[in-house]
Amino acid sequence: MRIAIYAGSFDPITRGHEDLIRRSLELVDRLIVAVATNSAKQPLFTREERADLIRATITNDRVQVKTFDGLLVDFAAREGASVLIRGLRAVSDFEYEYQMALMNRHLAPRLETIFMVPSLDTTYISASIIREVARYGGDVSNLVHPVVAEALRARSGPAARS
């Protein structure tokens, strides 16, 4: 069984993330969506809230949602994963993702990284832009699952409800 991990902060999960999850399932038998803590970011949602939003959004039996701390390669080893899925929206993503893939290969030579580009209609979507639009009351309903849109409205404060 080929197990892959799609790791990220998913703050929140977007239609772009959903696209990569759905398409990843064409390549692997099981996908673990791994919600990480990124110490460089101030998340809008807690790690458990982000995991719960993903579970509400993705209802495929071949997808599991888990949280983790520490190195991704260690988590992958514990889960028996042989593949990491990474999304590349723009050329600017490539340098960072390439460096991470090389470090992961150094730490775990048998762990492969697959880079996937988003569908054309989701290329411009990023969680940080979604949070910003929601913060000021903009309509994000076509960019995220309805459960996520409601969570953003509830979390973003009065500006989002006006």
Protein backbone atom coordinates (compact mmCIF):
# COMPACT_ATOMS: atom_id res chain seq x y z
CA MET A 1 0.00 0.00 0.00
CA ARG A 2 1.42 3.36 -1.04
CA ILE A 3 0.89 5.93 1.71
CA ALA A 4 1.51 9.63 1.13
CA ILE A 5 1.51 12.62 3.43
CA TYR A 6 0.29 16.07 2.47
CA ALA A 7 1.54 18.29 5.29
CA GLY A 8 0.87 21.93 5.94
CA SER A 9 -0.60 24.43 8.33
CA PHE A 10 -3.98 24.51 6.51
CA ASP A 11 -5.06 27.72 8.25
CA PRO A 12 -7.67 27.24 6.84
CA ILE A 13 -8.06 24.49 4.25
CA THR A 14 -8.92 26.03 0.86
CA ARG A 15 -10.39 24.79 -2.40
CA GLY A 16 -6.78 24.65 -3.63
CA HIS A 17 -5.85 22.21 -0.85
CA GLU A 18 -8.97 20.18 -1.62
CA ASP A 19 -7.94 20.00 -5.28
CA LEU A 20 -4.50 18.63 -4.41
CA ILE A 21 -5.96 16.12 -1.96
CA ARG A 22 -8.45 14.83 -4.53
CA ARG A 23 -5.81 14.57 -7.26
CA SER A 24 -3.25 12.96 -4.93
CA LEU A 25 -5.62 10.06 -4.41
CA GLU A 26 -5.08 9.14 -8.06
CA LEU A 27 -1.42 8.44 -7.21
CA VAL A 28 -1.58 6.73 -3.82
CA ASP A 29 -3.68 4.25 -1.88
CA ARG A 30 -3.96 6.32 1.28
CA LEU A 31 -3.31 9.99 2.02
CA ILE A 32 -2.60 11.45 5.42
CA VAL A 33 -3.32 15.17 5.64
CA ALA A 34 -0.88 16.20 8.35
CA VAL A 35 -1.63 19.43 10.18
CA ALA A 36 1.59 20.97 11.43
CA THR A 37 2.45 23.78 13.74
CA ASN A 38 4.48 26.42 11.93
CA SER A 39 6.38 28.42 14.55
CA ALA A 40 6.87 31.24 12.03
CA LYS A 41 3.11 31.81 11.71
CA GLN A 42 0.37 33.08 14.01
CA PRO A 43 -2.58 30.82 13.13
CA LEU A 44 -6.18 31.98 13.12
CA PHE A 45 -7.36 28.50 14.15
CA THR A 46 -5.81 26.07 16.62
CA ARG A 47 -4.21 22.96 15.20
CA GLU A 48 -7.16 20.82 16.35
CA GLU A 49 -9.67 23.27 14.86
CA ARG A 50 -7.79 23.12 11.54
CA ALA A 51 -7.83 19.31 11.65
CA ASP A 52 -11.57 19.34 12.40
CA LEU A 53 -12.23 21.71 9.47
CA ILE A 54 -10.33 19.36 7.16
CA ARG A 55 -12.33 16.37 8.45
CA ALA A 56 -15.56 18.28 7.79
CA THR A 57 -14.37 19.20 4.30
CA ILE A 58 -12.84 15.92 3.12
CA THR A 59 -15.04 12.87 3.52
CA ASN A 60 -13.06 10.23 1.65
CA ASP A 61 -12.29 6.95 3.47
CA ARG A 62 -8.80 6.93 1.96
CA VAL A 63 -7.92 10.24 3.63
CA GLN A 64 -6.91 10.50 7.26
CA VAL A 65 -6.31 13.76 9.09
CA LYS A 66 -3.66 13.83 11.79
CA THR A 67 -1.68 16.44 13.67
CA PHE A 68 2.01 16.22 14.38
CA ASP A 69 4.97 17.97 15.97
CA GLY A 70 8.60 17.66 15.02
CA LEU A 71 10.21 16.61 11.78
CA LEU A 72 7.99 15.56 8.91
CA VAL A 73 10.39 12.73 8.02
CA ASP A 74 9.97 11.26 11.51
CA PHE A 75 6.19 11.49 11.25
CA ALA A 76 6.34 9.86 7.80
CA ALA A 77 8.42 6.98 9.20
CA ARG A 78 5.93 6.43 12.05
CA GLU A 79 3.04 6.37 9.55
CA GLY A 80 4.79 4.11 7.03
CA ALA A 81 4.59 6.77 4.31
CA SER A 82 6.89 6.64 1.29
CA VAL A 83 5.75 9.84 -0.44
CA LEU A 84 5.35 13.50 0.48
CA ILE A 85 2.94 15.62 -1.57
CA ARG A 86 3.78 19.29 -1.93
CA GLY A 87 1.89 21.96 -3.82
CA LEU A 88 3.54 24.64 -5.95
CA ARG A 89 1.30 27.61 -6.75
CA ALA A 90 3.97 29.90 -8.15
CA VAL A 91 7.63 29.98 -9.04
CA SER A 92 8.23 31.75 -5.72
CA ASP A 93 7.16 28.55 -3.89
CA PHE A 94 9.72 26.43 -5.71
CA GLU A 95 12.95 27.53 -4.02
CA TYR A 96 11.66 26.92 -0.49
CA GLU A 97 9.97 23.63 -1.42
CA TYR A 98 13.05 22.43 -3.30
CA GLN A 99 15.29 23.12 -0.29
CA MET A 100 12.86 21.30 1.99
CA ALA A 101 12.71 18.32 -0.39
CA LEU A 102 16.50 18.10 -0.45
CA MET A 103 16.72 18.25 3.34
CA ASN A 104 14.02 15.60 3.67
CA ARG A 105 15.92 13.42 1.20
CA HIS A 106 19.10 13.93 3.26
CA LEU A 107 17.26 12.88 6.43
CA ALA A 108 15.22 10.07 4.83
CA PRO A 109 16.68 8.97 1.46
CA ARG A 110 13.81 6.59 0.69
CA LEU A 111 11.11 9.22 1.18
CA GLU A 112 10.11 10.74 -2.17
CA THR A 113 8.64 14.19 -2.69
CA ILE A 114 6.08 14.78 -5.43
CA PHE A 115 5.42 18.36 -6.45
CA MET A 116 1.94 19.08 -7.78
CA VAL A 117 0.67 22.24 -9.39
CA PRO A 118 -2.87 23.35 -8.64
CA SER A 119 -5.67 23.45 -11.13
CA LEU A 120 -5.87 26.73 -13.03
CA ASP A 121 -8.97 27.88 -11.16
CA THR A 122 -7.30 27.48 -7.74
CA THR A 123 -3.78 28.77 -8.50
CA TYR A 124 -4.33 32.18 -6.93
CA ILE A 125 -5.86 30.86 -3.70
CA SER A 126 -3.76 30.92 -0.54
CA ALA A 127 -4.84 30.52 3.06
CA SER A 128 -3.21 33.81 4.05
CA ILE A 129 -5.14 35.73 1.39
CA ILE A 130 -8.36 33.94 2.43
CA ARG A 131 -7.78 35.00 6.06
CA GLU A 132 -7.17 38.60 5.00
CA VAL A 133 -10.27 38.79 2.82
CA ALA A 134 -12.40 37.18 5.56
CA ARG A 135 -10.98 39.55 8.20
CA TYR A 136 -12.46 42.49 6.28
CA GLY A 137 -15.77 40.84 5.53
CA GLY A 138 -15.06 39.80 1.95
CA ASP A 139 -16.88 36.89 0.36
CA VAL A 140 -14.72 33.74 0.43
CA SER A 141 -17.59 31.31 -0.12
CA ASN A 142 -16.34 30.11 -3.50
CA LEU A 143 -12.76 29.72 -2.24
CA VAL A 144 -13.41 27.43 0.74
CA HIS A 145 -15.90 24.75 1.79
CA PRO A 146 -19.09 26.18 3.40
CA VAL A 147 -18.05 24.84 6.84
CA VAL A 148 -14.77 26.73 6.55
CA ALA A 149 -16.51 29.90 5.34
CA GLU A 150 -18.75 29.81 8.42
CA ALA A 151 -15.78 29.24 10.74
CA LEU A 152 -14.01 32.19 9.16
CA ARG A 153 -17.06 34.41 9.61
CA ALA A 154 -17.33 33.39 13.25
CA ARG A 155 -13.61 33.89 13.95
CA SER A 156 -12.93 37.03 11.94
CA GLY A 157 -14.93 39.41 14.10
CA PRO A 158 -17.47 42.15 13.45
CA ALA A 159 -15.84 43.40 10.23
CA ALA A 160 -16.55 40.04 8.61
CA ARG A 161 -20.23 40.14 9.50
CA SER A 162 -21.04 43.65 8.31
